Amino acid sequence: MSLPRVSVIIPALNEEDSIGLVLDDIPKHLVNEVIVVDNGSGDNTADVAIEHGAKVVKEERRGYGSACLRGLAEMDAPDVVVFLDADYSDHPDEMNRLLEPIFKDEADLVLGSRMLGEREPGALLPQAFFGNKLATFLMRIVVGEKYTDLGPFRAIRMDALEKVEMCDTNFGWTAELQMKAPRAGLRTLEVPVSYRKRTGVSKITGTISGTIRAGYKIIYTIFRYAFWRPKE
């Protein structure tokens, strides 16, 4: 029996030094297409991605969520979607950990948890570590789901993704999905994934202003969707 069709979406902003490494490590036998969404890069991110076999689309409206939404609009009818960062902090070769529970029909959404996996010293900055702790604590109170991380490496069945009606255009994307998933009745599973120091400086936790803006938006998102329910 053939495996489900898998599309990988990689939002990217000025990641020319890392995007090739990410693309080369994706397990090709599991994936049908890889879409790199160039979110307004001023370097050679798009050219490098094309050289390494990815389909590249552009999204000029800045924001992680905007890039994800653009990628979703460009997919070729997948059964499963994987979201992956372009900075090479995640380990693309561990993608099977996320896909296997979906292939076995044990989960609809699989989250790669950096808290449960092996982390290179210094890979997860203190502000990101404590921000994750606070966000997942609030989620447990609001929706009763015992998450450990808001990590970006995640896989979801396409029919499940359609149920949660994603709309956030920036920092709230990951929190939105994790808030809506329990309300939509999705079977969610966390699996340990490895994490290393990213290539280059983070656009979010690498600056004070980015950290503050992201933290505010994530907390706002948690309470915004506290009473969300899917459409009948």
Protein backbone atom coordinates (compact mmCIF):
# COMPACT_ATOMS: atom_id res chain seq x y z
CA MET A 1 0.00 0.00 0.00
CA SER A 2 1.37 3.41 -0.96
CA LEU A 3 2.23 5.97 1.68
CA PRO A 4 0.13 9.12 2.07
CA ARG A 5 1.24 12.14 0.04
CA VAL A 6 3.39 14.49 2.13
CA SER A 7 4.10 18.16 1.50
CA VAL A 8 6.72 20.07 3.47
CA ILE A 9 6.37 23.82 3.99
CA ILE A 10 9.44 25.83 4.99
CA PRO A 11 8.99 29.57 5.69
CA ALA A 12 12.28 31.35 5.01
CA LEU A 13 13.64 34.86 5.50
CA ASN A 14 17.30 35.47 4.69
CA GLU A 15 18.42 31.89 5.28
CA GLU A 16 20.81 31.37 2.36
CA ASP A 17 23.45 29.81 4.64
CA SER A 18 21.13 27.17 6.08
CA ILE A 19 18.33 26.40 3.63
CA GLY A 20 20.47 24.07 1.53
CA LEU A 21 21.42 22.06 4.62
CA VAL A 22 17.76 21.75 5.59
CA LEU A 23 16.69 20.61 2.14
CA ASP A 24 19.51 18.08 1.81
CA ASP A 25 18.54 16.41 5.10
CA ILE A 26 14.85 15.93 4.29
CA PRO A 27 14.13 12.20 3.80
CA LYS A 28 13.15 12.21 0.12
CA HIS A 29 11.52 8.78 0.23
CA LEU A 30 8.85 10.12 2.60
CA VAL A 31 8.12 13.43 0.88
CA ASN A 32 6.32 14.27 -2.36
CA GLU A 33 7.03 18.00 -2.50
CA VAL A 34 8.94 20.65 -0.61
CA ILE A 35 7.77 24.26 -0.73
CA VAL A 36 10.08 27.02 0.46
CA VAL A 37 8.17 30.24 1.04
CA ASP A 38 10.49 33.20 0.56
CA ASN A 39 9.10 35.78 2.96
CA GLY A 40 10.84 38.82 1.48
CA SER A 41 14.48 37.74 1.66
CA GLY A 42 17.19 40.17 0.61
CA ASP A 43 19.78 37.44 0.03
CA ASN A 44 20.03 34.34 -2.15
CA THR A 45 17.66 32.14 -0.13
CA ALA A 46 15.37 31.50 -3.10
CA ASP A 47 18.18 30.64 -5.50
CA VAL A 48 19.81 28.22 -3.06
CA ALA A 49 16.46 26.54 -2.37
CA ILE A 50 15.84 26.02 -6.08
CA GLU A 51 19.35 24.59 -6.52
CA HIS A 52 18.56 22.05 -3.80
CA GLY A 53 15.34 20.90 -5.42
CA ALA A 54 12.62 22.88 -3.65
CA LYS A 55 9.65 24.64 -5.16
CA VAL A 56 9.96 28.32 -4.21
CA VAL A 57 7.04 30.71 -3.86
CA LYS A 58 7.14 34.28 -2.62
CA GLU A 59 5.07 35.90 0.11
CA GLU A 60 5.85 39.59 0.43
CA ARG A 61 3.58 40.08 3.46
CA ARG A 62 6.00 39.51 6.32
CA GLY A 63 5.15 37.06 9.08
CA TYR A 64 5.63 33.37 9.88
CA GLY A 65 1.91 32.69 9.62
CA SER A 66 1.66 34.56 6.31
CA ALA A 67 4.39 32.35 4.90
CA CYS A 68 2.69 29.19 6.15
CA LEU A 69 -0.66 30.23 4.68
CA ARG A 70 1.00 30.97 1.34
CA GLY A 71 2.65 27.56 1.35
CA LEU A 72 -0.66 25.86 2.05
CA ALA A 73 -2.22 27.64 -0.92
CA GLU A 74 0.51 26.28 -3.23
CA MET A 75 0.42 22.58 -2.26
CA ASP A 76 -0.41 19.75 -4.65
CA ALA A 77 -3.20 17.92 -2.80
CA PRO A 78 -1.25 16.30 0.06
CA ASP A 79 -2.63 13.98 2.72
CA VAL A 80 -0.15 15.23 5.34
CA VAL A 81 1.61 18.56 5.79
CA VAL A 82 4.92 19.03 7.62
CA PHE A 83 6.06 22.45 8.84
CA LEU A 84 9.79 22.95 9.25
CA ASP A 85 12.01 25.95 9.94
CA ALA A 86 14.70 27.09 7.51
CA ASP A 87 17.46 27.82 10.06
CA TYR A 88 18.71 24.21 10.44
CA SER A 89 18.03 24.15 14.18
CA ASP A 90 15.66 21.22 13.75
CA HIS A 91 16.80 17.88 12.35
CA PRO A 92 14.88 17.23 9.11
CA ASP A 93 16.21 13.67 9.04
CA GLU A 94 14.00 12.98 12.09
CA MET A 95 10.85 13.66 10.09
CA ASN A 96 9.85 10.00 10.29
CA ARG A 97 9.27 10.46 14.04
CA LEU A 98 6.48 12.89 13.21
CA LEU A 99 5.04 11.05 10.23
CA GLU A 100 4.95 7.50 11.56
CA PRO A 101 2.12 8.04 14.09
CA ILE A 102 0.05 9.68 11.35
CA PHE A 103 0.79 6.92 8.84
CA LYS A 104 -0.29 4.38 11.49
CA ASP A 105 -3.47 6.40 12.17
CA GLU A 106 -2.46 6.96 15.80
CA ALA A 107 -2.57 10.76 15.63
CA ASP A 108 -3.89 13.64 13.53
CA LEU A 109 -1.32 16.20 14.72
CA VAL A 110 2.21 15.35 15.81
CA LEU A 111 4.33 18.01 17.49
CA GLY A 112 8.10 17.77 17.67
CA SER A 113 9.04 18.61 21.26
CA ARG A 114 12.48 20.06 21.87
CA MET A 115 11.85 19.77 25.60
CA LEU A 116 11.49 15.99 25.34
CA GLY A 117 14.40 15.53 22.93
CA GLU A 118 18.15 16.14 22.91
CA ARG A 119 19.16 19.80 22.84
CA GLU A 120 22.59 21.11 21.99
CA PRO A 121 23.79 23.39 24.83
CA GLY A 122 22.78 26.96 24.04
CA ALA A 123 20.43 25.98 21.21
CA LEU A 124 17.28 27.07 23.02
CA LEU A 125 17.86 30.55 24.38
CA PRO A 126 16.71 31.25 27.96
CA GLN A 127 13.94 33.57 26.81
CA ALA A 128 12.62 30.88 24.47
CA PHE A 129 12.86 28.21 27.17
CA PHE A 130 10.91 30.18 29.77
CA GLY A 131 8.50 31.52 27.17
CA ASN A 132 7.64 27.96 26.21
CA LYS A 133 7.15 27.02 29.84
CA LEU A 134 4.74 29.91 30.39
CA ALA A 135 2.82 29.36 27.17
CA THR A 136 2.32 25.63 27.69
CA PHE A 137 1.32 26.24 31.32
CA LEU A 138 -1.37 28.69 30.18
CA MET A 139 -2.56 26.26 27.52
CA ARG A 140 -2.92 23.52 30.10
CA ILE A 141 -5.12 25.82 32.19
CA VAL A 142 -7.20 27.08 29.27
CA VAL A 143 -7.73 23.95 27.13
CA GLY A 144 -6.45 21.19 29.40
CA GLU A 145 -3.82 19.94 26.96
CA LYS A 146 -0.46 18.98 28.48
CA TYR A 147 1.91 20.33 25.86
CA THR A 148 5.62 20.68 26.58
CA ASP A 149 6.65 22.89 23.66
CA LEU A 150 5.59 25.28 20.91
CA GLY A 151 8.25 23.97 18.58
CA PRO A 152 7.85 24.68 14.84
CA PHE A 153 8.63 21.13 13.62
CA ARG A 154 5.19 19.52 13.28
CA ALA A 155 3.07 17.32 11.02
CA ILE A 156 -0.68 17.26 10.55
CA ARG A 157 -3.24 15.44 8.43
CA MET A 158 -4.66 17.75 5.80
CA ASP A 159 -8.26 17.01 6.73
CA ALA A 160 -7.42 17.86 10.36
CA LEU A 161 -5.72 21.09 9.35
CA GLU A 162 -8.83 22.17 7.48
CA LYS A 163 -10.88 21.76 10.65
CA VAL A 164 -8.84 24.28 12.64
CA GLU A 165 -9.23 27.12 10.12
CA MET A 166 -5.77 28.63 10.59
CA CYS A 167 -5.57 32.39 10.12
CA ASP A 168 -2.74 33.93 12.19
CA THR A 169 -0.20 35.79 10.06
CA ASN A 170 2.79 36.04 12.40
CA PHE A 171 4.10 34.89 15.80
CA GLY A 172 0.83 33.33 16.95
CA TRP A 173 0.70 30.57 14.32
CA THR A 174 2.05 27.69 16.44
CA ALA A 175 -0.01 28.67 19.48
CA GLU A 176 -3.16 29.02 17.39
CA LEU A 177 -2.85 25.47 16.09
CA GLN A 178 -2.21 24.03 19.54
CA MET A 179 -5.11 25.95 21.07
CA LYS A 180 -7.58 24.92 18.38
CA ALA A 181 -6.55 21.27 18.06
CA PRO A 182 -8.27 20.02 21.26
CA ARG A 183 -11.42 22.00 20.47
CA ALA A 184 -11.54 20.42 17.01
CA GLY A 185 -11.21 16.92 18.48
CA LEU A 186 -7.79 16.23 16.97
CA ARG A 187 -5.70 13.38 18.32
CA THR A 188 -2.48 15.16 19.26
CA LEU A 189 0.84 13.54 20.10
CA GLU A 190 4.20 14.99 21.08
CA VAL A 191 7.39 13.19 20.08
CA PRO A 192 10.97 14.05 21.09
CA VAL A 193 13.06 15.81 18.46
CA SER A 194 16.66 16.98 18.53
CA TYR A 195 17.57 20.66 18.46
CA ARG A 196 20.82 22.47 17.66
CA LYS A 197 22.07 26.02 17.51
CA ARG A 198 20.55 27.72 14.52
CA THR A 199 22.59 29.06 11.62
CA GLY A 200 22.61 32.85 11.94
CA VAL A 201 20.67 35.03 14.40
CA SER A 202 17.02 34.40 15.23
CA LYS A 203 14.63 37.06 13.96
CA ILE A 204 12.47 36.52 17.06
CA THR A 205 14.35 35.45 20.20
CA GLY A 206 17.61 36.85 18.87
CA THR A 207 16.51 40.40 19.71
CA ILE A 208 14.83 42.00 22.72
CA SER A 209 12.11 43.61 20.63
CA GLY A 210 11.44 40.38 18.77
CA THR A 211 11.18 38.45 22.02
CA ILE A 212 8.73 40.94 23.52
CA ARG A 213 6.54 41.07 20.41
CA ALA A 214 6.47 37.29 20.04
CA GLY A 215 5.75 36.74 23.72
CA TYR A 216 2.90 39.22 23.71
CA LYS A 217 1.37 37.73 20.56
CA ILE A 218 1.56 34.15 21.83
CA ILE A 219 -0.15 35.00 25.12
CA TYR A 220 -2.75 37.07 23.25
CA THR A 221 -3.39 34.12 20.92
CA ILE A 222 -3.88 31.70 23.81
CA PHE A 223 -6.63 33.82 25.31
CA ARG A 224 -8.09 34.82 21.95
CA TYR A 225 -8.90 31.19 21.16
CA ALA A 226 -9.85 30.15 24.68
CA PHE A 227 -13.48 29.67 23.64
CA TRP A 228 -13.00 28.92 19.95
CA ARG A 229 -15.09 26.14 18.44
CA PRO A 230 -14.93 24.70 14.91
CA LYS A 231 -17.76 25.36 12.49
CA GLU A 232 -20.41 22.70 12.31
